[in-house]
Protein backbone atom coordinates (compact mmCIF):
# COMPACT_ATOMS: atom_id res chain seq x y z
CA MET A 1 23.13 -3.57 9.21
CA ASN A 2 24.24 -0.15 10.15
CA ALA A 3 27.29 -0.16 7.84
CA ILE A 4 26.78 -0.25 4.10
CA PRO A 5 28.28 -3.25 2.44
CA GLN A 6 30.98 -2.66 -0.05
CA ALA A 7 28.81 -4.30 -2.78
CA ALA A 8 26.17 -1.69 -2.12
CA SER A 9 27.55 1.49 -3.78
CA ARG A 10 26.05 4.92 -3.11
CA LYS A 11 24.65 5.00 -6.54
CA THR A 12 22.80 1.69 -5.91
CA LEU A 13 21.44 2.91 -2.66
CA LEU A 14 20.13 6.12 -4.35
CA LEU A 15 18.47 4.17 -7.06
CA ALA A 16 16.92 1.70 -4.47
CA PHE A 17 15.51 4.63 -2.43
CA ALA A 18 14.39 6.46 -5.46
CA ALA A 19 12.43 3.41 -6.57
CA VAL A 20 10.76 3.10 -3.14
CA TYR A 21 10.12 6.73 -2.62
CA LEU A 22 9.08 7.87 -6.16
CA VAL A 23 7.64 4.78 -7.66
CA TRP A 24 5.46 3.76 -4.72
CA GLY A 25 4.39 7.41 -4.25
CA SER A 26 3.44 7.62 -7.89
CA THR A 27 1.30 4.45 -7.88
CA TYR A 28 -1.57 6.37 -6.43
CA LEU A 29 -1.81 8.56 -9.36
CA ALA A 30 -1.32 5.63 -11.76
CA ILE A 31 -4.33 3.91 -10.06
CA ARG A 32 -6.39 6.99 -10.63
CA PHE A 33 -5.39 7.11 -14.28
CA GLY A 34 -5.95 3.29 -14.67
CA VAL A 35 -9.48 3.30 -13.34
CA GLU A 36 -10.51 5.99 -15.76
CA THR A 37 -11.38 3.37 -18.45
CA ILE A 38 -10.51 0.04 -16.74
CA PRO A 39 -12.89 -1.28 -13.97
CA PRO A 40 -11.10 -1.18 -10.60
CA PHE A 41 -11.15 -4.86 -9.61
CA LEU A 42 -9.86 -5.84 -13.05
CA LEU A 43 -7.06 -3.25 -12.82
CA GLY A 44 -5.89 -4.49 -9.48
CA GLY A 45 -6.39 -8.13 -10.21
CA THR A 46 -4.50 -8.01 -13.56
CA ARG A 47 -1.58 -6.12 -11.98
CA PHE A 48 -1.18 -8.37 -9.01
CA LEU A 49 -1.72 -11.69 -10.74
CA VAL A 50 0.79 -10.88 -13.53
CA ALA A 51 3.40 -9.43 -11.08
CA GLY A 52 2.93 -12.39 -8.59
CA VAL A 53 3.35 -15.06 -11.42
CA ILE A 54 6.54 -13.24 -12.68
CA LEU A 55 8.05 -13.02 -9.33
CA ALA A 56 7.10 -16.56 -8.38
CA VAL A 57 8.76 -17.96 -11.52
CA ILE A 58 11.99 -16.00 -10.84
CA SER A 59 11.94 -17.33 -7.12
CA HIS A 60 11.36 -20.86 -8.12
CA ALA A 61 14.18 -20.61 -10.72
CA GLY A 62 16.29 -19.44 -7.96
CA GLY A 63 15.66 -22.43 -5.96
CA ALA A 64 12.52 -21.90 -4.01
CA PRO A 65 10.53 -25.15 -3.43
CA VAL A 66 6.95 -25.86 -4.50
CA PRO A 67 4.81 -24.49 -1.67
CA LYS A 68 3.05 -26.77 0.68
CA LEU A 69 -0.80 -26.76 1.11
CA ALA A 70 -0.52 -24.79 4.38
CA GLU A 71 1.67 -22.18 2.74
CA TRP A 72 -0.78 -21.77 -0.18
CA LYS A 73 -3.63 -21.31 2.45
CA SER A 74 -1.55 -18.66 4.34
CA ALA A 75 -0.51 -16.82 1.06
CA THR A 76 -4.24 -16.77 0.07
CA ILE A 77 -5.43 -15.41 3.39
CA SER A 78 -2.74 -12.80 3.26
CA GLY A 79 -3.76 -11.85 -0.31
CA VAL A 80 -7.36 -11.31 0.98
CA PHE A 81 -6.38 -8.83 3.48
CA MET A 82 -3.42 -7.05 1.77
CA VAL A 83 -4.21 -7.36 -2.01
CA VAL A 84 -7.99 -7.54 -2.03
CA GLY A 85 -8.77 -5.32 0.96
CA GLY A 86 -5.63 -3.33 1.07
CA ASN A 87 -5.30 -2.46 -2.67
CA GLY A 88 -8.60 -3.62 -4.32
CA LEU A 89 -10.57 -1.18 -2.14
CA VAL A 90 -7.97 1.61 -2.99
CA CYS A 91 -8.54 0.93 -6.69
CA TRP A 92 -12.39 1.23 -6.21
CA ALA A 93 -12.09 4.39 -4.21
CA GLY A 94 -9.84 5.84 -6.93
CA GLN A 95 -12.84 6.48 -9.07
CA TYR A 96 -13.86 9.08 -6.71
CA VAL A 97 -11.05 10.12 -4.33
CA PRO A 98 -7.97 12.08 -5.51
CA SER A 99 -4.63 10.19 -5.32
CA GLY A 100 -3.13 12.64 -2.81
CA LEU A 101 -5.84 12.25 -0.33
CA THR A 102 -5.77 8.51 -0.89
CA ALA A 103 -2.01 8.31 -0.10
CA LEU A 104 -2.57 10.45 3.17
CA LEU A 105 -5.16 8.11 4.33
CA VAL A 106 -3.13 5.06 3.48
CA ALA A 107 -0.19 6.57 5.49
CA THR A 108 -2.17 5.79 8.66
CA VAL A 109 -1.34 2.09 8.50
CA PRO A 110 1.21 2.23 11.40
CA LEU A 111 -1.54 3.80 13.61
CA TRP A 112 -3.93 0.79 12.81
CA LEU A 113 -1.06 -1.59 13.62
CA VAL A 114 -0.84 -0.15 17.11
CA ALA A 115 -4.56 -0.62 17.58
CA ILE A 116 -4.71 -4.18 16.27
CA ALA A 117 -1.68 -5.20 18.28
CA ARG A 118 -3.62 -4.10 21.44
CA LEU A 119 -6.54 -6.38 20.32
CA GLY A 120 -4.37 -9.15 18.91
CA PRO A 121 -3.22 -12.38 20.67
CA ASP A 122 -0.36 -10.58 22.31
CA ARG A 123 -2.49 -7.92 23.86
CA GLU A 124 0.25 -5.37 23.48
CA THR A 125 -0.23 -2.32 25.60
CA PRO A 126 0.76 0.87 23.72
CA GLY A 127 3.03 3.16 25.50
CA PRO A 128 2.32 6.89 26.26
CA MET A 129 3.89 8.07 23.05
CA GLU A 130 2.23 5.47 20.92
CA MET A 131 -1.12 6.41 22.48
CA ALA A 132 -0.55 10.05 21.81
CA GLY A 133 0.43 9.32 18.28
CA LEU A 134 -2.63 7.12 17.73
CA VAL A 135 -5.04 9.71 18.97
CA LEU A 136 -3.31 12.53 17.01
CA GLY A 137 -3.27 10.36 13.81
CA LEU A 138 -6.88 9.24 14.03
CA GLY A 139 -7.77 12.90 14.69
CA GLY A 140 -6.23 13.76 11.29
CA VAL A 141 -8.21 10.99 9.64
CA ALA A 142 -11.32 12.34 11.04
CA LEU A 143 -10.47 15.76 9.78
CA LEU A 144 -9.80 14.45 6.16
CA VAL A 145 -12.80 12.34 5.96
CA GLY A 146 -15.10 14.96 7.56
CA THR A 147 -13.95 17.67 5.08
CA SER A 148 -14.07 15.43 1.99
CA GLY A 149 -16.57 16.71 -0.44
CA ALA A 150 -17.19 17.22 -4.13
CA GLU A 151 -14.72 20.13 -4.19
CA VAL A 152 -11.85 17.81 -3.45
CA GLY A 153 -13.01 14.74 -5.29
CA ILE A 154 -12.52 13.38 -8.88
CA ARG A 155 -14.34 15.61 -11.45
CA GLY A 156 -17.99 14.40 -11.60
CA ALA A 157 -18.05 12.78 -8.13
CA SER A 158 -20.68 13.89 -5.70
CA ALA A 159 -19.88 14.84 -2.15
CA SER A 160 -21.38 11.53 -0.88
CA GLN A 161 -19.24 9.47 -3.25
CA VAL A 162 -16.06 11.22 -2.22
CA ALA A 163 -16.79 10.79 1.49
CA ALA A 164 -17.70 7.12 0.91
CA GLY A 165 -14.58 6.54 -1.04
CA ALA A 166 -12.58 8.16 1.81
CA LEU A 167 -14.08 5.84 4.28
CA VAL A 168 -13.37 2.90 1.91
CA VAL A 169 -9.65 3.92 1.87
CA VAL A 170 -9.60 3.91 5.63
CA GLY A 171 -11.02 0.38 5.55
CA ALA A 172 -8.41 -0.58 3.12
CA SER A 173 -5.67 0.71 5.46
CA VAL A 174 -7.21 -1.37 8.28
CA SER A 175 -7.30 -4.43 6.05
CA TRP A 176 -3.58 -3.89 5.09
CA ALA A 177 -2.69 -3.60 8.86
CA ILE A 178 -4.60 -6.83 9.72
CA GLY A 179 -2.77 -8.54 6.76
CA SER A 180 0.57 -7.31 8.07
CA MET A 181 -0.12 -8.50 11.50
CA TYR A 182 -1.24 -11.90 10.16
CA ASN A 183 1.94 -12.20 8.18
CA LEU A 184 3.91 -12.24 11.36
CA ARG A 185 2.71 -15.71 12.28
CA ALA A 186 1.59 -17.10 8.95
CA ALA A 187 3.48 -20.00 7.45
CA LEU A 188 4.19 -18.24 4.20
CA PRO A 189 6.77 -19.66 1.68
CA GLN A 190 10.30 -18.81 1.96
CA PRO A 191 12.29 -16.71 0.98
CA PRO A 192 10.18 -13.72 1.69
CA LEU A 193 9.98 -12.49 -1.99
CA TYR A 194 8.57 -15.88 -2.82
CA GLY A 195 5.81 -15.52 -0.12
CA THR A 196 4.92 -12.06 -1.38
CA ALA A 197 4.92 -13.35 -4.99
CA LEU A 198 2.27 -16.09 -3.99
CA THR A 199 0.36 -13.39 -1.97
CA MET A 200 0.17 -11.16 -4.89
CA ALA A 201 -0.94 -13.95 -7.30
CA ALA A 202 -3.63 -15.29 -4.94
CA GLY A 203 -4.99 -11.81 -4.21
CA GLY A 204 -4.88 -10.83 -7.84
CA LEU A 205 -6.83 -13.89 -8.90
CA ILE A 206 -9.53 -13.31 -6.21
CA LEU A 207 -9.87 -9.63 -7.41
CA LEU A 208 -10.43 -10.89 -10.89
CA LEU A 209 -13.06 -13.25 -9.65
CA ILE A 210 -14.74 -10.29 -7.87
CA GLY A 211 -14.53 -8.34 -11.03
CA LEU A 212 -16.28 -11.25 -12.83
CA ALA A 213 -18.97 -11.56 -10.08
CA THR A 214 -19.78 -7.75 -10.23
CA GLY A 215 -20.01 -7.55 -13.97
CA GLU A 216 -16.88 -5.72 -14.78
CA PHE A 217 -15.83 -8.01 -17.63
CA GLY A 218 -19.09 -7.16 -19.26
CA ARG A 219 -18.36 -3.34 -18.87
CA LEU A 220 -14.75 -3.71 -20.13
CA SER A 221 -14.24 -2.99 -23.87
CA PRO A 222 -10.54 -3.19 -24.74
CA GLY A 223 -11.14 -0.71 -27.58
CA ASP A 224 -12.36 1.89 -25.10
CA VAL A 225 -9.56 1.69 -22.78
CA SER A 226 -7.34 4.76 -23.12
CA LEU A 227 -3.58 4.83 -23.75
CA ARG A 228 -3.19 6.46 -20.32
CA SER A 229 -4.92 3.56 -18.63
CA TRP A 230 -2.94 0.87 -20.45
CA LEU A 231 0.27 2.69 -19.61
CA SER A 232 -0.84 2.92 -15.97
CA LEU A 233 -1.53 -0.80 -15.70
CA ALA A 234 1.86 -1.64 -17.25
CA TYR A 235 3.55 0.88 -14.88
CA LEU A 236 1.69 -0.53 -11.81
CA THR A 237 2.76 -4.04 -12.78
CA ALA A 238 6.32 -3.62 -13.67
CA MET A 239 7.42 -0.61 -11.58
CA GLY A 240 5.09 -0.67 -8.57
CA SER A 241 4.81 -4.36 -7.96
CA ILE A 242 8.10 -5.76 -9.30
CA VAL A 243 10.88 -3.14 -9.37
CA ALA A 244 9.87 -1.04 -6.37
CA PHE A 245 9.11 -4.08 -4.20
CA SER A 246 12.43 -5.74 -5.14
CA ALA A 247 14.26 -2.61 -4.29
CA TYR A 248 12.58 -2.49 -0.85
CA MET A 249 13.47 -6.09 -0.12
CA TRP A 250 17.08 -5.37 -1.00
CA LEU A 251 17.04 -2.26 1.29
CA LEU A 252 15.84 -4.19 4.26
CA ARG A 253 18.86 -6.41 3.90
CA THR A 254 21.31 -3.47 3.33
CA VAL A 255 20.22 -0.47 5.61
CA ARG A 256 18.57 -0.14 8.94
CA PRO A 257 14.91 -1.11 8.92
CA ALA A 258 13.96 2.46 10.12
CA ALA A 259 15.74 3.86 7.09
CA ALA A 260 14.02 1.54 4.73
CA GLY A 261 10.56 2.35 6.43
CA THR A 262 10.91 6.07 5.79
CA TYR A 263 8.89 5.50 2.56
CA ALA A 264 5.78 5.71 4.84
CA TYR A 265 6.55 9.46 5.25
CA VAL A 266 7.69 10.32 1.82
CA ASN A 267 5.10 8.53 -0.43
CA PRO A 268 2.21 10.78 0.64
CA VAL A 269 4.29 13.89 -0.26
CA VAL A 270 5.16 12.47 -3.69
CA ALA A 271 1.48 11.50 -4.30
CA LEU A 272 0.24 14.96 -3.24
CA PHE A 273 2.73 16.70 -5.52
CA LEU A 274 2.10 14.48 -8.48
CA GLY A 275 -1.62 14.67 -8.14
CA TRP A 276 -1.56 18.51 -7.92
CA ARG A 277 0.99 18.90 -10.86
CA LEU A 278 -0.21 16.11 -13.34
CA ALA A 279 -3.93 15.77 -12.53
CA ASP A 280 -4.81 19.23 -11.24
CA GLU A 281 -5.91 17.84 -7.89
CA PRO A 282 -6.74 20.43 -5.34
CA PHE A 283 -4.75 20.84 -2.06
CA THR A 284 -6.88 22.45 0.51
CA LEU A 285 -6.14 23.94 3.91
CA PRO A 286 -7.85 20.97 5.68
CA MET A 287 -5.68 18.51 3.55
CA LEU A 288 -2.57 20.50 4.68
CA ALA A 289 -3.71 20.34 8.37
CA GLY A 290 -4.60 16.58 8.03
CA THR A 291 -1.22 15.93 6.41
CA VAL A 292 0.77 17.53 9.36
CA ILE A 293 -1.35 15.85 11.89
CA ILE A 294 -1.23 12.33 10.49
CA VAL A 295 2.53 12.52 9.79
CA ALA A 296 3.15 13.74 13.30
CA GLY A 297 0.99 10.87 14.71
CA VAL A 298 2.84 8.30 12.66
CA VAL A 299 6.18 9.61 13.81
CA LEU A 300 5.16 9.43 17.37
CA VAL A 301 3.94 5.79 16.93
CA GLN A 302 7.11 4.84 15.13
CA ARG A 303 9.32 6.38 17.77
CA GLY A 304 7.24 4.81 20.59
CA ARG A 305 7.54 1.39 19.03
CA THR A 306 11.45 1.27 19.01
CA PRO A 307 12.45 0.42 22.47
CA LYS A 308 16.07 -0.26 23.41
CA GLY A 309 15.73 -3.95 22.87
CA GLY A 310 14.83 -3.37 19.17
CA PRO A 311 11.62 -2.87 17.20
CA ARG A 312 8.44 -4.55 18.50
CA PRO A 313 6.47 -6.73 16.11
CA ALA A 314 4.10 -4.16 14.80
CA THR A 315 6.55 -1.80 13.12
CA VAL A 316 6.06 -0.89 9.45
CA ARG A 317 5.87 -4.14 7.55
CA ALA A 318 7.11 -4.72 4.02
CA PRO A 319 4.10 -4.04 1.82
CA THR A 320 2.92 -6.27 -1.01
CA SER A 321 3.34 -3.07 -3.06
CA ARG A 322 1.37 0.02 -3.61
């Protein structure tokens, strides 16, 4: 995997990395724009159900077999943790928390992977560098959550709503990490893109049911949905869930996993810049400090989890899509 296949031209590689870096980094702002006039669970549910069905049809047309009952069950459980918890909660928090801060808190997923691996069935013992990164990164999370107030939140949100939203994003990151660890042993359909498609579809359907149960359908009036929200929904579905994820899967087969996983460092920077430039989101000194601390912690964890024998199980996992 270290060498670039002849079929993978430099232009193709650049386009694939651009999709993973820029598109995924921009989805946080798209979520914020989407929830302005579309209820959060309906936004996430529609996006993932549509994208999942499209990718499943493509996979099945390519020869993927009809999933077994056990595979459907695994895809549903994965969808609960990664789509409902990992993304649905981010959509809800997007009503109060700026996209840049959300991206920073989501970047802590590798830290939670280390903590969960210690508590999981393998009882992995973190090395010194991993422990240092975990403590450092969680300190950055505490700084960001502790300094979250109305001055950094979405216009009109109270200090308590912003702080609660930040905590919900942390919970979403933990849920995503649990789903990632579950996927290591789950009997998901193959090939991987097919399993991810069913995870998206199952999670998207559950999000829509949550939206129905919480009265979001009653609050939705298509005529009141802004053009910006409609475009955000289309962008999240087509670019965030289909194009960028397909590019990431291709990169995993073409370059070193460590290179493909660099999106975890780049996405928060892209999200912070776009939030500041396009949505006038503030970038405070505590946010800058939190950014440096969290990124440093994630770097330490990632370095500590790559021993000579190869990466251990809890490295950055392929996301369902942001």
